[in-house]
Protein backbone atom coordinates (compact mmCIF):
# COMPACT_ATOMS: atom_id res chain seq x y z
CA MET A 1 23.25 13.08 -13.90
CA PHE A 2 20.52 13.54 -11.26
CA PRO A 3 18.58 16.69 -10.39
CA PRO A 4 18.81 18.02 -6.81
CA ALA A 5 16.67 16.14 -4.32
CA ILE A 6 15.47 19.48 -2.94
CA GLU A 7 15.82 22.91 -4.53
CA ILE A 8 14.17 25.92 -2.92
CA LYS A 9 14.67 29.44 -4.23
CA ASN A 10 13.59 32.70 -2.57
CA ALA A 11 10.77 31.14 -0.54
CA THR A 12 8.89 33.33 1.91
CA VAL A 13 6.12 31.53 3.80
CA LYS A 14 3.50 33.36 5.86
CA LEU A 15 1.47 31.50 8.49
CA ASP A 16 -1.25 33.27 10.47
CA GLY A 17 0.07 36.63 9.38
CA TYR A 18 3.73 36.21 10.30
CA GLU A 19 6.72 35.14 8.20
CA ALA A 20 7.70 31.61 9.22
CA LEU A 21 10.37 31.54 6.49
CA THR A 22 11.96 34.57 4.84
CA ASP A 23 13.73 34.54 1.46
CA PHE A 24 14.71 30.92 2.04
CA SER A 25 16.97 29.21 -0.52
CA CYS A 26 18.75 25.87 -0.31
CA THR A 27 19.82 23.00 -2.54
CA ILE A 28 20.25 19.40 -1.35
CA GLY A 29 21.83 17.09 -3.88
CA HIS A 30 20.95 13.54 -4.90
CA ARG A 31 21.79 11.04 -2.13
CA GLU A 32 23.32 13.68 0.09
CA ARG A 33 22.78 13.52 3.84
CA TRP A 34 21.89 16.83 5.49
CA PHE A 35 20.99 17.89 9.01
CA VAL A 36 18.66 20.81 9.69
CA LEU A 37 19.27 22.34 13.11
CA GLY A 38 17.58 25.16 14.96
CA PRO A 39 15.85 26.15 18.21
CA ASN A 40 12.10 25.90 18.78
CA GLY A 41 10.21 28.29 16.52
CA ALA A 42 13.11 28.71 14.11
CA GLY A 43 11.15 27.51 11.08
CA LYS A 44 12.17 23.85 10.85
CA THR A 45 8.61 22.53 10.75
CA THR A 46 7.65 25.05 8.06
CA PHE A 47 10.69 23.97 6.04
CA VAL A 48 9.47 20.35 6.20
CA LYS A 49 5.93 21.41 5.25
CA LEU A 50 7.35 23.29 2.28
CA ILE A 51 9.13 20.15 1.06
CA LEU A 52 5.97 18.07 1.48
CA GLY A 53 3.76 20.62 -0.29
CA LEU A 54 1.80 21.30 2.91
CA ALA A 55 2.82 24.97 2.98
CA TRP A 56 3.17 27.25 -0.01
CA PRO A 57 5.50 30.23 -0.48
CA LEU A 58 4.50 33.66 -1.67
CA TRP A 59 4.63 34.48 -5.37
CA GLY A 60 8.08 34.55 -6.94
CA ALA A 61 9.52 31.51 -5.18
CA SER A 62 10.43 28.14 -6.66
CA VAL A 63 10.24 24.75 -4.93
CA SER A 64 11.37 21.54 -6.63
CA VAL A 65 11.59 18.08 -5.06
CA LEU A 66 13.21 15.15 -6.89
CA GLY A 67 13.30 17.22 -10.05
CA GLN A 68 9.57 18.01 -9.93
CA LYS A 69 8.60 21.68 -9.67
CA TYR A 70 5.65 22.44 -7.44
CA GLY A 71 2.82 24.01 -9.39
CA GLU A 72 3.74 21.90 -12.43
CA CYS A 73 3.56 18.36 -11.03
CA ASN A 74 1.23 15.93 -9.28
CA ILE A 75 2.23 16.36 -5.63
CA MET A 76 0.25 13.31 -4.50
CA GLU A 77 2.27 11.10 -6.85
CA LEU A 78 5.52 12.79 -5.87
CA ARG A 79 4.85 12.17 -2.16
CA LYS A 80 4.99 8.42 -2.83
CA LYS A 81 8.73 8.88 -3.40
CA VAL A 82 9.20 10.87 -0.18
CA ALA A 83 9.23 9.22 3.25
CA TRP A 84 8.44 11.39 6.26
CA VAL A 85 9.07 10.09 9.78
CA SER A 86 7.70 12.29 12.54
CA PRO A 87 6.43 11.98 16.14
CA PHE A 88 3.08 13.18 14.77
CA LEU A 89 2.80 9.86 12.93
CA ASN A 90 3.43 7.94 16.17
CA ALA A 91 0.30 9.37 17.76
CA TRP A 92 -1.74 8.97 14.58
CA ALA A 93 -0.75 5.33 14.02
CA ALA A 94 -1.32 4.40 17.68
CA ASP A 95 -4.74 6.04 17.92
CA SER A 96 -7.37 3.31 17.66
CA THR A 97 -10.29 5.59 18.62
CA TYR A 98 -11.64 5.83 15.10
CA SER A 99 -10.16 2.75 13.47
CA ARG A 100 -9.07 -0.78 14.19
CA ARG A 101 -5.95 -1.68 16.08
CA TRP A 102 -2.85 -2.37 13.99
CA THR A 103 0.12 -4.67 14.41
CA ALA A 104 3.59 -3.34 13.69
CA ARG A 105 3.69 -5.37 10.47
CA GLU A 106 0.41 -3.82 9.29
CA ILE A 107 1.77 -0.33 9.97
CA VAL A 108 4.83 -1.16 7.85
CA LEU A 109 2.66 -2.61 5.06
CA GLY A 110 0.69 0.65 5.03
CA GLY A 111 3.73 2.31 3.52
CA LEU A 112 2.98 0.49 0.25
CA ASP A 113 -0.33 2.34 -0.05
CA SER A 114 0.66 5.57 1.75
CA SER A 115 -1.85 4.73 4.48
CA ILE A 116 -1.81 4.27 8.26
CA GLY A 117 -2.54 0.58 8.65
CA PHE A 118 -3.26 -1.87 5.83
CA PHE A 119 -6.71 -2.20 4.25
CA ARG A 120 -6.27 -5.13 1.91
CA THR A 121 -5.00 -8.70 2.02
CA PRO A 122 -1.21 -8.63 1.58
CA THR A 123 0.38 -10.66 -1.16
CA ALA A 124 3.43 -12.84 -0.58
CA GLU A 125 5.51 -10.10 -2.24
CA ASP A 126 4.02 -7.46 0.09
CA LEU A 127 4.93 -9.53 3.14
CA GLU A 128 8.46 -10.11 1.87
CA GLN A 129 8.91 -6.38 1.34
CA ALA A 130 7.69 -5.70 4.87
CA GLU A 131 10.11 -8.24 6.34
CA ASN A 132 13.00 -6.73 4.38
CA ALA A 133 12.11 -3.20 5.49
CA MET A 134 11.89 -4.22 9.14
CA ALA A 135 15.16 -6.14 8.90
CA MET A 136 16.90 -3.01 7.58
CA ILE A 137 16.02 -1.14 10.75
CA HIS A 138 16.37 -4.16 13.12
CA ALA A 139 12.66 -4.18 13.91
CA THR A 140 11.59 -7.67 12.80
CA LYS A 141 11.07 -8.86 16.38
CA PHE A 142 8.27 -6.31 16.83
CA ALA A 143 6.32 -7.44 13.75
CA ASP A 144 3.44 -9.25 15.48
CA ARG A 145 3.03 -6.90 18.43
CA TRP A 146 0.34 -4.22 18.62
CA PHE A 147 1.82 -0.92 17.48
CA ASP A 148 0.20 1.00 20.36
CA ARG A 149 1.95 -1.30 22.85
CA LEU A 150 5.44 -0.61 21.53
CA SER A 151 7.74 1.87 23.25
CA SER A 152 8.28 5.26 21.59
CA GLY A 153 11.65 4.11 20.27
CA GLU A 154 10.20 0.90 18.86
CA GLN A 155 7.37 2.83 17.22
CA VAL A 156 9.83 5.17 15.50
CA ARG A 157 11.78 2.21 14.15
CA ILE A 158 8.57 0.69 12.76
CA LEU A 159 7.67 4.02 11.15
CA ILE A 160 11.10 4.17 9.51
CA ALA A 161 10.50 0.64 8.19
CA ARG A 162 7.11 1.85 6.91
CA ALA A 163 8.94 4.65 5.14
CA LEU A 164 11.54 2.34 3.60
CA ILE A 165 9.14 -0.31 2.27
CA SER A 166 8.26 1.84 -0.75
CA HIS A 167 11.95 2.43 -1.60
CA PRO A 168 11.74 6.23 -1.28
CA GLU A 169 14.18 8.54 -3.00
CA LEU A 170 14.04 11.04 -0.13
CA VAL A 171 13.73 10.33 3.62
CA ILE A 172 12.92 13.14 6.06
CA LEU A 173 13.54 12.30 9.73
CA ASP A 174 11.63 15.09 11.44
CA GLU A 175 12.49 15.33 15.17
CA ALA A 176 12.45 11.53 15.21
CA CYS A 177 14.24 11.32 18.59
CA ILE A 178 12.28 13.96 20.46
CA PHE A 179 10.30 11.59 22.73
CA LEU A 180 12.97 8.90 23.12
CA ASP A 181 14.96 8.05 26.22
CA LEU A 182 18.74 7.81 26.02
CA THR A 183 18.88 4.10 25.20
CA SER A 184 16.13 4.25 22.56
CA ARG A 185 17.72 7.30 20.97
CA GLU A 186 21.12 5.66 20.62
CA ILE A 187 19.61 2.48 19.16
CA LEU A 188 17.68 4.56 16.64
CA LEU A 189 20.67 6.70 15.67
CA SER A 190 22.76 3.56 15.11
CA ALA A 191 20.06 2.21 12.81
CA VAL A 192 19.93 5.52 10.93
CA ASP A 193 23.72 5.40 10.49
CA GLU A 194 23.46 1.87 9.09
CA LEU A 195 20.82 3.04 6.62
CA ALA A 196 22.98 6.00 5.58
CA ALA A 197 25.94 3.68 4.97
CA ARG A 198 24.06 1.44 2.53
CA PRO A 199 25.17 1.80 -1.10
CA ASP A 200 21.53 2.31 -2.13
CA SER A 201 20.79 4.83 0.62
CA PRO A 202 18.28 7.54 -0.35
CA THR A 203 18.77 11.26 0.15
CA MET A 204 18.35 11.86 3.88
CA VAL A 205 17.36 15.00 5.81
CA PHE A 206 17.62 14.86 9.60
CA VAL A 207 15.72 17.65 11.37
CA THR A 208 16.54 18.28 15.02
CA GLN A 209 16.95 20.87 17.76
CA ARG A 210 19.64 18.85 19.55
CA ILE A 211 23.26 19.11 18.44
CA GLU A 212 24.36 15.77 19.90
CA GLU A 213 21.85 13.84 17.74
CA ILE A 214 23.68 14.77 14.54
CA THR A 215 25.88 11.78 13.77
CA ALA A 216 28.87 11.87 11.45
CA SER A 217 26.74 10.34 8.68
CA PHE A 218 25.24 13.79 8.11
CA ASP A 219 28.16 15.61 6.53
CA LYS A 220 26.27 18.66 5.28
CA GLY A 221 23.69 20.82 6.94
CA LEU A 222 22.14 24.14 7.78
CA ILE A 223 21.10 26.10 10.83
CA ILE A 224 17.79 27.96 10.80
CA LYS A 225 17.08 30.92 13.07
CA ASP A 226 14.09 33.26 12.94
CA GLY A 227 12.94 31.79 9.64
CA LYS A 228 16.25 32.37 7.88
CA ILE A 229 19.27 30.25 7.06
CA MET A 230 21.97 31.35 9.48
CA ALA A 231 24.65 28.93 8.25
CA SER A 232 24.81 26.32 5.50
CA GLY A 233 27.41 24.01 4.01
CA ASP A 234 29.85 21.35 5.16
CA ARG A 235 29.33 19.94 8.65
CA ASN A 236 32.58 21.27 10.09
CA ASP A 237 31.89 24.77 8.80
CA VAL A 238 28.34 24.85 10.15
CA LEU A 239 28.67 23.18 13.55
CA THR A 240 30.99 25.71 15.16
CA GLU A 241 30.85 27.17 18.65
CA GLU A 242 30.29 30.63 17.17
CA ASN A 243 27.35 29.54 15.01
CA LEU A 244 25.71 27.50 17.76
CA SER A 245 26.12 30.23 20.36
CA LYS A 246 24.43 32.65 17.99
CA ALA A 247 21.63 30.23 17.05
CA PHE A 248 20.70 29.25 20.61
CA GLU A 249 21.66 32.55 22.23
CA LEU A 250 23.90 30.83 24.76
CA ASP A 251 27.65 30.70 25.25
CA VAL A 252 28.22 27.19 23.85
CA MET A 253 31.38 25.09 23.94
CA LEU A 254 31.67 21.84 22.01
CA ASP A 255 33.19 18.54 23.08
CA SER A 256 33.72 15.89 20.42
CA THR A 257 33.73 12.11 20.79
CA ALA A 258 35.52 9.46 18.77
CA ASP A 259 32.45 8.73 16.66
CA GLY A 260 32.42 12.30 15.33
CA ARG A 261 29.45 13.56 17.36
CA LEU A 262 29.51 16.92 19.09
CA TRP A 263 28.18 17.55 22.58
CA PRO A 264 27.30 21.06 23.73
CA ILE A 265 28.47 22.48 27.03
CA VAL A 266 26.92 25.76 28.14
CA LYS A 267 29.30 28.18 29.81
CA LYS A 268 27.95 29.75 32.99
């Protein structure tokens, strides 16, 4: 009944003269939860840029997001339905050099207008939406604190609330844990699992370079290496010792825990 959330066909993307992605094709269905795994420089960031319309493939490719084909739709309007959470946004939202200082609540409210911070007087409905979004990610207690005074983990949770306030159809968690300590990471991953378990959960794409961050909520995924899809499909078929050893060019063993997560052990 629903078109794929993401459908990319035969996309080759060149950046600064080299191919960041080569003949890249993937389909992510409505409300599916996918992980995207790969080492540094594999092409993960370019993949995200392709979804957001920030990078364009060479002629002959096709990119559709939420049923809208790029080149035939208003990308600015489409982006209002796509939530992107990235460490890049942390730095941007916390930088008060060229703008005023923002509270956590104001950062969340900015999601209504696709802005960093909030530039109008919120209505009672706006404030209620912000409270609901923060409650979903267990971030209400940070609401009145300055965003730039929150820890990295707290900032990421506020940015996820900012993403959720507009009820997006697609959520991209792009290296969301990369600057977090162990405690902050586990708190965040638990909140992401709770979001994924909701009956109204959006399509979710979790981009990472760390195997152990991929919780059992993400039951489909792909591994990118050298700008190409090395493996794609069901979680158990993709996250194998053979695939991971090839992707990271190490002899990797996997240890599993009761919650379904996999932890890599490198053989010496």
